[in-house]
PDB file of N, CA and C in Angstrom:
ATOM      1  N   MET A   1       1.851 -32.014  -4.939  1.00  0.00           N
ATOM      2  CA  MET A   1       2.880 -31.327  -3.970  1.00  0.00           C
ATOM      3  C   MET A   1       2.287 -31.266  -2.685  1.00  0.00           C
ATOM      4  N   ASP A   2       3.189 -31.379  -1.603  1.00  0.00           N
ATOM      5  CA  ASP A   2       2.770 -31.300  -0.343  1.00  0.00           C
ATOM      6  C   ASP A   2       3.090 -30.090   0.272  1.00  0.00           C
ATOM      7  N   ALA A   3       2.713 -29.806   1.625  1.00  0.00           N
ATOM      8  CA  ALA A   3       2.964 -28.674   2.282  1.00  0.00           C
ATOM      9  C   ALA A   3       4.341 -28.007   2.305  1.00  0.00           C
ATOM     10  N   ILE A   4       5.448 -28.892   2.115  1.00  0.00           N
ATOM     11  CA  ILE A   4       6.710 -28.537   2.352  1.00  0.00           C
ATOM     12  C   ILE A   4       7.129 -27.624   1.159  1.00  0.00           C
ATOM     13  N   HIS A   5       6.286 -27.640  -0.007  1.00  0.00           N
ATOM     14  CA  HIS A   5       6.646 -27.026  -1.232  1.00  0.00           C
ATOM     15  C   HIS A   5       6.091 -25.617  -1.193  1.00  0.00           C
ATOM     16  N   TRP A   6       5.169 -25.354   0.196  1.00  0.00           N
ATOM     17  CA  TRP A   6       4.710 -23.946   0.034  1.00  0.00           C
ATOM     18  C   TRP A   6       5.363 -23.130   1.166  1.00  0.00           C
ATOM     19  N   ALA A   7       6.860 -23.327   1.250  1.00  0.00           N
ATOM     20  CA  ALA A   7       7.461 -22.706   2.378  1.00  0.00           C
ATOM     21  C   ALA A   7       7.620 -21.375   1.866  1.00  0.00           C
ATOM     22  N   TRP A   8       7.582 -21.005   0.426  1.00  0.00           N
ATOM     23  CA  TRP A   8       7.657 -19.747  -0.080  1.00  0.00           C
ATOM     24  C   TRP A   8       6.540 -18.700   0.164  1.00  0.00           C
ATOM     25  N   LEU A   9       5.323 -19.369   0.732  1.00  0.00           N
ATOM     26  CA  LEU A   9       4.191 -18.702   0.844  1.00  0.00           C
ATOM     27  C   LEU A   9       3.914 -18.609   2.278  1.00  0.00           C
ATOM     28  N   ARG A  10       3.427 -17.335   2.816  1.00  0.00           N
ATOM     29  CA  ARG A  10       2.886 -17.418   4.217  1.00  0.00           C
ATOM     30  C   ARG A  10       2.031 -16.138   4.306  1.00  0.00           C
ATOM     31  N   GLU A  11       1.085 -16.080   5.459  1.00  0.00           N
ATOM     32  CA  GLU A  11       0.164 -15.101   5.632  1.00  0.00           C
ATOM     33  C   GLU A  11       1.088 -14.022   6.500  1.00  0.00           C
ATOM     34  N   GLY A  12       1.003 -12.768   5.883  1.00  0.00           N
ATOM     35  CA  GLY A  12       1.785 -11.608   6.420  1.00  0.00           C
ATOM     36  C   GLY A  12       0.689 -10.764   7.034  1.00  0.00           C
ATOM     37  N   ARG A  13       1.646  -9.410   7.404  1.00  0.00           N
ATOM     38  CA  ARG A  13       0.825  -8.404   8.032  1.00  0.00           C
ATOM     39  C   ARG A  13      -0.322  -7.685   7.209  1.00  0.00           C
ATOM     40  N   HIS A  14      -0.008  -7.875   5.958  1.00  0.00           N
ATOM     41  CA  HIS A  14      -0.963  -7.057   4.926  1.00  0.00           C
ATOM     42  C   HIS A  14      -1.635  -8.054   4.003  1.00  0.00           C
ATOM     43  N   GLY A  15      -1.383  -9.388   4.147  1.00  0.00           N
ATOM     44  CA  GLY A  15      -1.932 -10.290   3.145  1.00  0.00           C
ATOM     45  C   GLY A  15      -0.855 -11.489   3.068  1.00  0.00           C
ATOM     46  N   ALA A  16      -0.803 -11.905   1.724  1.00  0.00           N
ATOM     47  CA  ALA A  16       0.325 -12.886   1.516  1.00  0.00           C
ATOM     48  C   ALA A  16       1.820 -12.210   1.450  1.00  0.00           C
ATOM     49  N   THR A  17       2.508 -13.170   1.833  1.00  0.00           N
ATOM     50  CA  THR A  17       3.986 -12.803   1.801  1.00  0.00           C
ATOM     51  C   THR A  17       4.679 -13.890   0.847  1.00  0.00           C
ATOM     52  N   LEU A  18       5.519 -13.597  -0.090  1.00  0.00           N
ATOM     53  CA  LEU A  18       6.038 -14.497  -1.158  1.00  0.00           C
ATOM     54  C   LEU A  18       7.481 -14.310  -0.898  1.00  0.00           C
ATOM     55  N   LEU A  19       8.147 -15.400  -0.783  1.00  0.00           N
ATOM     56  CA  LEU A  19       9.575 -15.589  -0.856  1.00  0.00           C
ATOM     57  C   LEU A  19      10.134 -15.815  -2.361  1.00  0.00           C
ATOM     58  N   VAL A  20      10.912 -14.932  -2.868  1.00  0.00           N
ATOM     59  CA  VAL A  20      11.287 -14.974  -4.307  1.00  0.00           C
ATOM     60  C   VAL A  20      12.841 -14.964  -4.583  1.00  0.00           C
ATOM     61  N   ALA A  21      13.211 -15.947  -5.428  1.00  0.00           N
ATOM     62  CA  ALA A  21      14.597 -15.769  -5.738  1.00  0.00           C
ATOM     63  C   ALA A  21      14.659 -15.268  -7.208  1.00  0.00           C
ATOM     64  N   ALA A  22      14.902 -14.052  -7.503  1.00  0.00           N
ATOM     65  CA  ALA A  22      14.736 -13.484  -8.799  1.00  0.00           C
ATOM     66  C   ALA A  22      16.038 -13.495  -9.519  1.00  0.00           C
ATOM     67  N   GLN A  23      15.834 -13.561 -10.884  1.00  0.00           N
ATOM     68  CA  GLN A  23      16.976 -13.757 -11.789  1.00  0.00           C
ATOM     69  C   GLN A  23      16.707 -12.617 -12.852  1.00  0.00           C
ATOM     70  N   PRO A  24      17.328 -11.559 -12.567  1.00  0.00           N
ATOM     71  CA  PRO A  24      17.135 -10.238 -13.564  1.00  0.00           C
ATOM     72  C   PRO A  24      17.937 -10.414 -14.704  1.00  0.00           C
ATOM     73  N   GLY A  25      17.463  -9.768 -15.750  1.00  0.00           N
ATOM     74  CA  GLY A  25      18.307  -9.890 -17.397  1.00  0.00           C
ATOM     75  C   GLY A  25      18.039 -11.063 -18.096  1.00  0.00           C
ATOM     76  N   ALA A  26      16.875 -11.869 -17.906  1.00  0.00           N
ATOM     77  CA  ALA A  26      16.282 -12.950 -18.567  1.00  0.00           C
ATOM     78  C   ALA A  26      15.955 -12.467 -19.891  1.00  0.00           C
ATOM     79  N   LYS A  27      15.484 -13.359 -20.815  1.00  0.00           N
ATOM     80  CA  LYS A  27      14.944 -13.107 -21.997  1.00  0.00           C
ATOM     81  C   LYS A  27      13.439 -12.673 -21.927  1.00  0.00           C
ATOM     82  N   THR A  28      12.771 -13.555 -20.968  1.00  0.00           N
ATOM     83  CA  THR A  28      11.293 -13.200 -20.637  1.00  0.00           C
ATOM     84  C   THR A  28      11.164 -13.356 -19.139  1.00  0.00           C
ATOM     85  N   THR A  29       9.978 -12.683 -18.760  1.00  0.00           N
ATOM     86  CA  THR A  29       9.629 -13.013 -17.405  1.00  0.00           C
ATOM     87  C   THR A  29       8.767 -14.050 -17.143  1.00  0.00           C
ATOM     88  N   ALA A  30       9.222 -14.939 -16.221  1.00  0.00           N
ATOM     89  CA  ALA A  30       8.341 -16.234 -15.960  1.00  0.00           C
ATOM     90  C   ALA A  30       8.875 -16.880 -14.691  1.00  0.00           C
ATOM     91  N   LEU A  31       7.630 -17.553 -14.101  1.00  0.00           N
ATOM     92  CA  LEU A  31       8.150 -18.242 -12.902  1.00  0.00           C
ATOM     93  C   LEU A  31       8.604 -19.801 -13.529  1.00  0.00           C
ATOM     94  N   VAL A  32       9.796 -20.125 -13.064  1.00  0.00           N
ATOM     95  CA  VAL A  32      10.453 -21.174 -13.528  1.00  0.00           C
ATOM     96  C   VAL A  32      10.619 -22.451 -12.509  1.00  0.00           C
ATOM     97  N   GLY A  33      10.235 -22.172 -11.350  1.00  0.00           N
ATOM     98  CA  GLY A  33      10.421 -23.280 -10.339  1.00  0.00           C
ATOM     99  C   GLY A  33      10.624 -22.808  -9.094  1.00  0.00           C
ATOM    100  N   LEU A  34      11.265 -23.589  -8.208  1.00  0.00           N
ATOM    101  CA  LEU A  34      11.575 -23.348  -6.852  1.00  0.00           C
ATOM    102  C   LEU A  34      13.033 -23.454  -6.582  1.00  0.00           C
ATOM    103  N   HIS A  35      13.576 -22.558  -5.778  1.00  0.00           N
ATOM    104  CA  HIS A  35      15.071 -22.412  -5.633  1.00  0.00           C
ATOM    105  C   HIS A  35      15.164 -22.211  -4.031  1.00  0.00           C
ATOM    106  N   ASP A  36      15.763 -23.149  -3.424  1.00  0.00           N
ATOM    107  CA  ASP A  36      16.030 -22.789  -1.924  1.00  0.00           C
ATOM    108  C   ASP A  36      14.978 -22.387  -1.086  1.00  0.00           C
ATOM    109  N   GLY A  37      13.596 -22.953  -1.523  1.00  0.00           N
ATOM    110  CA  GLY A  37      12.483 -22.466  -0.432  1.00  0.00           C
ATOM    111  C   GLY A  37      11.921 -21.285  -0.872  1.00  0.00           C
ATOM    112  N   ALA A  38      12.378 -20.696  -2.158  1.00  0.00           N
ATOM    113  CA  ALA A  38      11.684 -19.614  -2.703  1.00  0.00           C
ATOM    114  C   ALA A  38      11.137 -19.819  -4.280  1.00  0.00           C
ATOM    115  N   LEU A  39      10.205 -19.012  -4.597  1.00  0.00           N
ATOM    116  CA  LEU A  39       9.737 -19.099  -5.999  1.00  0.00           C
ATOM    117  C   LEU A  39      10.864 -18.553  -6.929  1.00  0.00           C
ATOM    118  N   ARG A  40      11.367 -19.044  -7.933  1.00  0.00           N
ATOM    119  CA  ARG A  40      12.275 -18.862  -8.935  1.00  0.00           C
ATOM    120  C   ARG A  40      11.592 -18.118 -10.012  1.00  0.00           C
ATOM    121  N   ILE A  41      11.881 -16.717 -10.161  1.00  0.00           N
ATOM    122  CA  ILE A  41      11.381 -16.136 -11.279  1.00  0.00           C
ATOM    123  C   ILE A  41      12.319 -15.242 -11.972  1.00  0.00           C
ATOM    124  N   ARG A  42      12.403 -15.701 -13.229  1.00  0.00           N
ATOM    125  CA  ARG A  42      13.154 -14.740 -14.057  1.00  0.00           C
ATOM    126  C   ARG A  42      12.622 -13.562 -14.644  1.00  0.00           C
ATOM    127  N   ILE A  43      13.365 -12.542 -14.600  1.00  0.00           N
ATOM    128  CA  ILE A  43      12.875 -11.159 -14.876  1.00  0.00           C
ATOM    129  C   ILE A  43      13.520 -10.597 -16.230  1.00  0.00           C
ATOM    130  N   ALA A  44      12.622 -10.135 -17.098  1.00  0.00           N
ATOM    131  CA  ALA A  44      13.245  -9.469 -18.360  1.00  0.00           C
ATOM    132  C   ALA A  44      13.367  -8.194 -18.172  1.00  0.00           C
ATOM    133  N   ALA A  45      14.247  -7.733 -17.197  1.00  0.00           N
ATOM    134  CA  ALA A  45      14.520  -6.311 -16.891  1.00  0.00           C
ATOM    135  C   ALA A  45      15.913  -6.486 -16.107  1.00  0.00           C
ATOM    136  N   PRO A  46      16.902  -5.547 -16.547  1.00  0.00           N
ATOM    137  CA  PRO A  46      18.053  -5.510 -15.615  1.00  0.00           C
ATOM    138  C   PRO A  46      17.879  -5.102 -14.203  1.00  0.00           C
ATOM    139  N   ALA A  47      18.890  -5.518 -13.343  1.00  0.00           N
ATOM    140  CA  ALA A  47      18.842  -5.237 -12.030  1.00  0.00           C
ATOM    141  C   ALA A  47      19.314  -3.786 -11.755  1.00  0.00           C
ATOM    142  N   LEU A  48      18.667  -2.968 -12.421  1.00  0.00           N
ATOM    143  CA  LEU A  48      19.329  -1.422 -12.565  1.00  0.00           C
ATOM    144  C   LEU A  48      18.358  -0.370 -12.267  1.00  0.00           C
ATOM    145  N   ASP A  49      18.565   0.481 -11.238  1.00  0.00           N
ATOM    146  CA  ASP A  49      17.615   1.477 -11.004  1.00  0.00           C
ATOM    147  C   ASP A  49      16.188   1.110 -10.519  1.00  0.00           C
ATOM    148  N   GLY A  50      16.078  -0.064  -9.962  1.00  0.00           N
ATOM    149  CA  GLY A  50      14.720  -0.540  -9.665  1.00  0.00           C
ATOM    150  C   GLY A  50      13.946  -1.146 -10.752  1.00  0.00           C
ATOM    151  N   ARG A  51      14.548  -1.184 -11.949  1.00  0.00           N
ATOM    152  CA  ARG A  51      13.606  -1.817 -13.044  1.00  0.00           C
ATOM    153  C   ARG A  51      13.380  -3.355 -12.905  1.00  0.00           C
ATOM    154  N   GLY A  52      14.332  -3.955 -12.452  1.00  0.00           N
ATOM    155  CA  GLY A  52      14.059  -5.520 -12.216  1.00  0.00           C
ATOM    156  C   GLY A  52      12.902  -5.701 -11.077  1.00  0.00           C
ATOM    157  N   ASN A  53      13.021  -4.843 -10.041  1.00  0.00           N
ATOM    158  CA  ASN A  53      11.878  -4.958  -8.800  1.00  0.00           C
ATOM    159  C   ASN A  53      10.673  -4.525  -9.423  1.00  0.00           C
ATOM    160  N   ALA A  54      10.535  -3.614 -10.258  1.00  0.00           N
ATOM    161  CA  ALA A  54       9.233  -2.920 -10.850  1.00  0.00           C
ATOM    162  C   ALA A  54       8.756  -4.107 -11.853  1.00  0.00           C
ATOM    163  N   ALA A  55       9.496  -4.655 -12.695  1.00  0.00           N
ATOM    164  CA  ALA A  55       9.090  -5.780 -13.496  1.00  0.00           C
ATOM    165  C   ALA A  55       8.518  -6.921 -12.749  1.00  0.00           C
ATOM    166  N   LEU A  56       9.264  -7.205 -11.781  1.00  0.00           N
ATOM    167  CA  LEU A  56       8.790  -8.360 -10.904  1.00  0.00           C
ATOM    168  C   LEU A  56       7.436  -8.084 -10.379  1.00  0.00           C
ATOM    169  N   CYS A  57       7.247  -6.896  -9.634  1.00  0.00           N
ATOM    170  CA  CYS A  57       6.104  -6.573  -8.966  1.00  0.00           C
ATOM    171  C   CYS A  57       4.881  -6.358 -10.001  1.00  0.00           C
ATOM    172  N   ALA A  58       5.141  -5.972 -11.421  1.00  0.00           N
ATOM    173  CA  ALA A  58       4.252  -5.954 -12.369  1.00  0.00           C
ATOM    174  C   ALA A  58       3.714  -7.377 -12.686  1.00  0.00           C
ATOM    175  N   TRP A  59       4.827  -8.129 -12.817  1.00  0.00           N
ATOM    176  CA  TRP A  59       4.475  -9.693 -13.317  1.00  0.00           C
ATOM    177  C   TRP A  59       3.698 -10.237 -12.201  1.00  0.00           C
ATOM    178  N   LEU A  60       4.124 -10.131 -10.999  1.00  0.00           N
ATOM    179  CA  LEU A  60       3.313 -10.722  -9.982  1.00  0.00           C
ATOM    180  C   LEU A  60       1.717 -10.297  -9.823  1.00  0.00           C
ATOM    181  N   ALA A  61       1.724  -8.800  -9.905  1.00  0.00           N
ATOM    182  CA  ALA A  61       0.326  -8.242  -9.996  1.00  0.00           C
ATOM    183  C   ALA A  61      -0.549  -8.869 -11.082  1.00  0.00           C
ATOM    184  N   ASP A  62      -0.070  -8.886 -12.252  1.00  0.00           N
ATOM    185  CA  ASP A  62      -0.761  -9.689 -13.441  1.00  0.00           C
ATOM    186  C   ASP A  62      -1.035 -11.127 -12.985  1.00  0.00           C
ATOM    187  N   ALA A  63      -0.181 -11.955 -12.539  1.00  0.00           N
ATOM    188  CA  ALA A  63      -0.316 -13.343 -12.341  1.00  0.00           C
ATOM    189  C   ALA A  63      -1.271 -13.443 -11.046  1.00  0.00           C
ATOM    190  N   LEU A  64      -1.418 -12.661 -10.339  1.00  0.00           N
ATOM    191  CA  LEU A  64      -2.166 -12.761  -9.086  1.00  0.00           C
ATOM    192  C   LEU A  64      -3.600 -11.934  -9.338  1.00  0.00           C
ATOM    193  N   HIS A  65      -3.709 -11.175 -10.424  1.00  0.00           N
ATOM    194  CA  HIS A  65      -4.947 -10.527 -10.642  1.00  0.00           C
ATOM    195  C   HIS A  65      -5.315  -9.556  -9.762  1.00  0.00           C
ATOM    196  N   VAL A  66      -4.208  -8.828  -9.251  1.00  0.00           N
ATOM    197  CA  VAL A  66      -4.446  -7.551  -8.464  1.00  0.00           C
ATOM    198  C   VAL A  66      -3.867  -6.420  -9.064  1.00  0.00           C
ATOM    199  N   ALA A  67      -4.125  -5.267  -8.588  1.00  0.00           N
ATOM    200  CA  ALA A  67      -3.540  -3.950  -9.166  1.00  0.00           C
ATOM    201  C   ALA A  67      -2.058  -3.838  -8.707  1.00  0.00           C
ATOM    202  N   ARG A  68      -1.347  -3.095  -9.519  1.00  0.00           N
ATOM    203  CA  ARG A  68       0.177  -3.107  -9.309  1.00  0.00           C
ATOM    204  C   ARG A  68       0.388  -2.485  -7.776  1.00  0.00           C
ATOM    205  N   ARG A  69      -0.303  -1.699  -7.218  1.00  0.00           N
ATOM    206  CA  ARG A  69      -0.208  -0.878  -6.057  1.00  0.00           C
ATOM    207  C   ARG A  69      -0.374  -2.018  -4.826  1.00  0.00           C
ATOM    208  N   ASP A  70      -0.830  -3.214  -4.974  1.00  0.00           N
ATOM    209  CA  ASP A  70      -1.205  -4.107  -4.254  1.00  0.00           C
ATOM    210  C   ASP A  70      -0.012  -5.108  -4.180  1.00  0.00           C
ATOM    211  N   VAL A  71       1.090  -4.840  -4.807  1.00  0.00           N
ATOM    212  CA  VAL A  71       2.379  -5.816  -4.771  1.00  0.00           C
ATOM    213  C   VAL A  71       3.600  -5.009  -4.431  1.00  0.00           C
ATOM    214  N   TRP A  72       4.383  -5.132  -3.488  1.00  0.00           N
ATOM    215  CA  TRP A  72       5.427  -4.530  -3.051  1.00  0.00           C
ATOM    216  C   TRP A  72       6.611  -5.323  -2.479  1.00  0.00           C
ATOM    217  N   ILE A  73       7.862  -4.786  -2.687  1.00  0.00           N
ATOM    218  CA  ILE A  73       8.948  -5.609  -2.072  1.00  0.00           C
ATOM    219  C   ILE A  73       9.141  -5.045  -0.557  1.00  0.00           C
ATOM    220  N   GLU A  74       8.956  -6.086   0.222  1.00  0.00           N
ATOM    221  CA  GLU A  74       9.137  -5.848   1.725  1.00  0.00           C
ATOM    222  C   GLU A  74      10.582  -5.884   2.074  1.00  0.00           C
ATOM    223  N   ARG A  75      11.421  -6.837   1.573  1.00  0.00           N
ATOM    224  CA  ARG A  75      12.656  -6.814   1.868  1.00  0.00           C
ATOM    225  C   ARG A  75      13.546  -7.326   0.649  1.00  0.00           C
ATOM    226  N   GLY A  76      14.683  -6.856   0.515  1.00  0.00           N
ATOM    227  CA  GLY A  76      15.700  -7.422  -0.483  1.00  0.00           C
ATOM    228  C   GLY A  76      15.596  -6.615  -1.696  1.00  0.00           C
ATOM    229  N   GLU A  77      15.283  -5.324  -1.745  1.00  0.00           N
ATOM    230  CA  GLU A  77      15.357  -4.610  -2.669  1.00  0.00           C
ATOM    231  C   GLU A  77      16.511  -4.565  -3.721  1.00  0.00           C
ATOM    232  N   LYS A  78      17.677  -4.708  -2.877  1.00  0.00           N
ATOM    233  CA  LYS A  78      18.968  -4.764  -3.595  1.00  0.00           C
ATOM    234  C   LYS A  78      19.523  -6.317  -3.661  1.00  0.00           C
ATOM    235  N   SER A  79      18.772  -7.164  -3.432  1.00  0.00           N
ATOM    236  CA  SER A  79      19.157  -8.655  -3.480  1.00  0.00           C
ATOM    237  C   SER A  79      18.295  -9.485  -4.310  1.00  0.00           C
ATOM    238  N   ARG A  80      18.788 -10.601  -4.837  1.00  0.00           N
ATOM    239  CA  ARG A  80      18.181 -11.467  -5.677  1.00  0.00           C
ATOM    240  C   ARG A  80      17.063 -12.271  -4.657  1.00  0.00           C
ATOM    241  N   ARG A  81      17.182 -12.314  -3.488  1.00  0.00           N
ATOM    242  CA  ARG A  81      16.211 -13.130  -2.643  1.00  0.00           C
ATOM    243  C   ARG A  81      15.256 -11.932  -1.963  1.00  0.00           C
ATOM    244  N   LYS A  82      14.062 -12.070  -2.369  1.00  0.00           N
ATOM    245  CA  LYS A  82      13.176 -11.031  -1.849  1.00  0.00           C
ATOM    246  C   LYS A  82      12.166 -11.588  -0.982  1.00  0.00           C
ATOM    247  N   GLN A  83      11.579 -10.511  -0.302  1.00  0.00           N
ATOM    248  CA  GLN A  83      10.277 -10.904   0.407  1.00  0.00           C
ATOM    249  C   GLN A  83       9.292 -10.040  -0.310  1.00  0.00           C
ATOM    250  N   VAL A  84       8.119 -10.513  -0.980  1.00  0.00           N
ATOM    251  CA  VAL A  84       7.343  -9.671  -1.604  1.00  0.00           C
ATOM    252  C   VAL A  84       5.782  -9.724  -0.998  1.00  0.00           C
ATOM    253  N   ALA A  85       5.533  -8.650  -0.570  1.00  0.00           N
ATOM    254  CA  ALA A  85       4.077  -8.599  -0.041  1.00  0.00           C
ATOM    255  C   ALA A  85       2.876  -8.381  -1.077  1.00  0.00           C
ATOM    256  N   VAL A  86       1.828  -9.064  -0.885  1.00  0.00           N
ATOM    257  CA  VAL A  86       0.768  -9.130  -1.725  1.00  0.00           C
ATOM    258  C   VAL A  86      -0.567  -8.701  -0.929  1.00  0.00           C
ATOM    259  N   ARG A  87      -1.317  -7.826  -1.156  1.00  0.00           N
ATOM    260  CA  ARG A  87      -2.576  -7.485  -0.676  1.00  0.00           C
ATOM    261  C   ARG A  87      -3.625  -8.518  -0.952  1.00  0.00           C
ATOM    262  N   MET A  88      -3.675  -9.686  -0.753  1.00  0.00           N
ATOM    263  CA  MET A  88      -4.705 -10.677  -0.777  1.00  0.00           C
ATOM    264  C   MET A  88      -4.488 -11.800   0.256  1.00  0.00           C
ATOM    265  N   PRO A  89      -5.269 -12.629   0.525  1.00  0.00           N
ATOM    266  CA  PRO A  89      -5.062 -13.732   1.445  1.00  0.00           C
ATOM    267  C   PRO A  89      -3.988 -14.849   0.830  1.00  0.00           C
ATOM    268  N   ALA A  90      -3.199 -15.448   1.590  1.00  0.00           N
ATOM    269  CA  ALA A  90      -2.166 -16.300   1.031  1.00  0.00           C
ATOM    270  C   ALA A  90      -2.925 -17.449   0.180  1.00  0.00           C
ATOM    271  N   ALA A  91      -4.088 -18.065   0.895  1.00  0.00           N
ATOM    272  CA  ALA A  91      -4.770 -19.010   0.180  1.00  0.00           C
ATOM    273  C   ALA A  91      -5.213 -18.707  -1.220  1.00  0.00           C
ATOM    274  N   GLN A  92      -5.509 -17.384  -1.476  1.00  0.00           N
ATOM    275  CA  GLN A  92      -5.987 -16.898  -2.716  1.00  0.00           C
ATOM    276  C   GLN A  92      -4.695 -16.829  -3.734  1.00  0.00           C
ATOM    277  N   ALA A  93      -3.663 -16.359  -3.176  1.00  0.00           N
ATOM    278  CA  ALA A  93      -2.329 -16.261  -4.003  1.00  0.00           C
ATOM    279  C   ALA A  93      -1.779 -17.620  -4.438  1.00  0.00           C
ATOM    280  N   LEU A  94      -1.975 -18.636  -3.528  1.00  0.00           N
ATOM    281  CA  LEU A  94      -1.640 -20.078  -3.883  1.00  0.00           C
ATOM    282  C   LEU A  94      -2.503 -20.511  -5.052  1.00  0.00           C
ATOM    283  N   ALA A  95      -3.758 -20.072  -4.931  1.00  0.00           N
ATOM    284  CA  ALA A  95      -4.860 -20.567  -5.897  1.00  0.00           C
ATOM    285  C   ALA A  95      -4.231 -20.154  -7.360  1.00  0.00           C
ATOM    286  N   PHE A  96      -3.747 -18.891  -7.441  1.00  0.00           N
ATOM    287  CA  PHE A  96      -3.100 -18.407  -8.607  1.00  0.00           C
ATOM    288  C   PHE A  96      -1.885 -18.917  -9.028  1.00  0.00           C
ATOM    289  N   LEU A  97      -0.992 -19.112  -8.081  1.00  0.00           N
ATOM    290  CA  LEU A  97       0.359 -19.417  -8.439  1.00  0.00           C
ATOM    291  C   LEU A  97       0.760 -20.919  -8.541  1.00  0.00           C
ATOM    292  N   ARG A  98      -0.056 -21.674  -7.738  1.00  0.00           N
ATOM    293  CA  ARG A  98       0.075 -23.193  -7.905  1.00  0.00           C
ATOM    294  C   ARG A  98      -0.044 -23.591  -9.321  1.00  0.00           C
ATOM    295  N   PRO A  99      -0.856 -23.336 -10.095  1.00  0.00           N
ATOM    296  CA  PRO A  99      -0.839 -23.760 -11.597  1.00  0.00           C
ATOM    297  C   PRO A  99       0.342 -23.495 -12.311  1.00  0.00           C
ATOM    298  N   LEU A 100       0.858 -22.241 -12.126  1.00  0.00           N
ATOM    299  CA  LEU A 100       1.995 -21.735 -12.728  1.00  0.00           C
ATOM    300  C   LEU A 100       3.091 -22.549 -12.281  1.00  0.00           C
ATOM    301  N   LEU A 101       3.224 -22.797 -11.121  1.00  0.00           N
ATOM    302  CA  LEU A 101       4.479 -23.404 -10.405  1.00  0.00           C
ATOM    303  C   LEU A 101       4.442 -24.970 -10.986  1.00  0.00           C
ATOM    304  N   GLU A 102       3.320 -25.430 -11.023  1.00  0.00           N
ATOM    305  CA  GLU A 102       3.166 -27.013 -11.568  1.00  0.00           C
ATOM    306  C   GLU A 102       3.361 -27.159 -13.003  1.00  0.00           C
ATOM    307  N   GLN A 103       3.080 -26.113 -14.013  1.00  0.00           N
ATOM    308  CA  GLN A 103       3.327 -25.853 -15.158  1.00  0.00           C
ATOM    309  C   GLN A 103       4.985 -25.864 -15.385  1.00  0.00           C
ATOM    310  N   ALA A 104       5.430 -24.903 -14.440  1.00  0.00           N
ATOM    311  CA  ALA A 104       7.079 -24.688 -14.761  1.00  0.00           C
ATOM    312  C   ALA A 104       7.599 -25.996 -14.300  1.00  0.00           C
ATOM    313  N   GLN A 105       7.417 -26.687 -13.413  1.00  0.00           N
ATOM    314  CA  GLN A 105       7.777 -27.927 -12.988  1.00  0.00           C
ATOM    315  C   GLN A 105       7.732 -29.055 -13.981  1.00  0.00           C
ATOM    316  N   ALA A 106       6.477 -29.103 -14.647  1.00  0.00           N
ATOM    317  CA  ALA A 106       6.227 -30.309 -15.550  1.00  0.00           C
ATOM    318  C   ALA A 106       7.176 -29.863 -16.874  1.00  0.00           C
ATOM    319  N   GLN A 107       7.329 -28.430 -17.158  1.00  0.00           N
ATOM    320  CA  GLN A 107       8.108 -28.253 -18.228  1.00  0.00           C
ATOM    321  C   GLN A 107       9.678 -28.549 -18.061  1.00  0.00           C
ATOM    322  N   ARG A 108      10.050 -28.290 -16.862  1.00  0.00           N
ATOM    323  CA  ARG A 108      11.473 -28.733 -16.489  1.00  0.00           C
ATOM    324  C   ARG A 108      11.626 -30.072 -16.517  1.00  0.00           C
ATOM    325  N   VAL A 109      10.823 -31.010 -16.197  1.00  0.00           N
ATOM    326  CA  VAL A 109      10.891 -32.250 -16.441  1.00  0.00           C
ATOM    327  C   VAL A 109      10.925 -32.599 -17.780  1.00  0.00           C
ATOM    328  N   SER A 110      10.050 -31.998 -18.729  1.00  0.00           N
ATOM    329  CA  SER A 110      10.116 -32.543 -20.088  1.00  0.00           C
ATOM    330  C   SER A 110      11.194 -32.115 -20.897  1.00  0.00           C
ATOM    331  N   ASP A 111      12.152 -30.961 -20.295  1.00  0.00           N
ATOM    332  CA  ASP A 111      13.291 -30.416 -21.082  1.00  0.00           C
ATOM    333  C   ASP A 111      14.390 -31.399 -21.172  1.00  0.00           C
TER     334      ASP A 111
END
């Protein structure tokens, strides 16, 4: 994958900033690929009373090996397109998310 694929990641004010295309109400929470320059993440929680956002932040915290308090929605709380801040360097976030993204894209090809 070349640099164009990393449009969903940049260095923000507090660390990494991720662009996410969330799909609430899924059977499981998982990174499933890219959509329009953003990480496409299915969320196993409804978009109701902030439950989808909480599940997204919890999943990202687990995937990035950081505390839940180190992941928050900067923009798009009521939208499927979100800007998520993570208190870690963007290069470190890429190191954790790149294998998950490659796995999701490989599975998509094999389906």
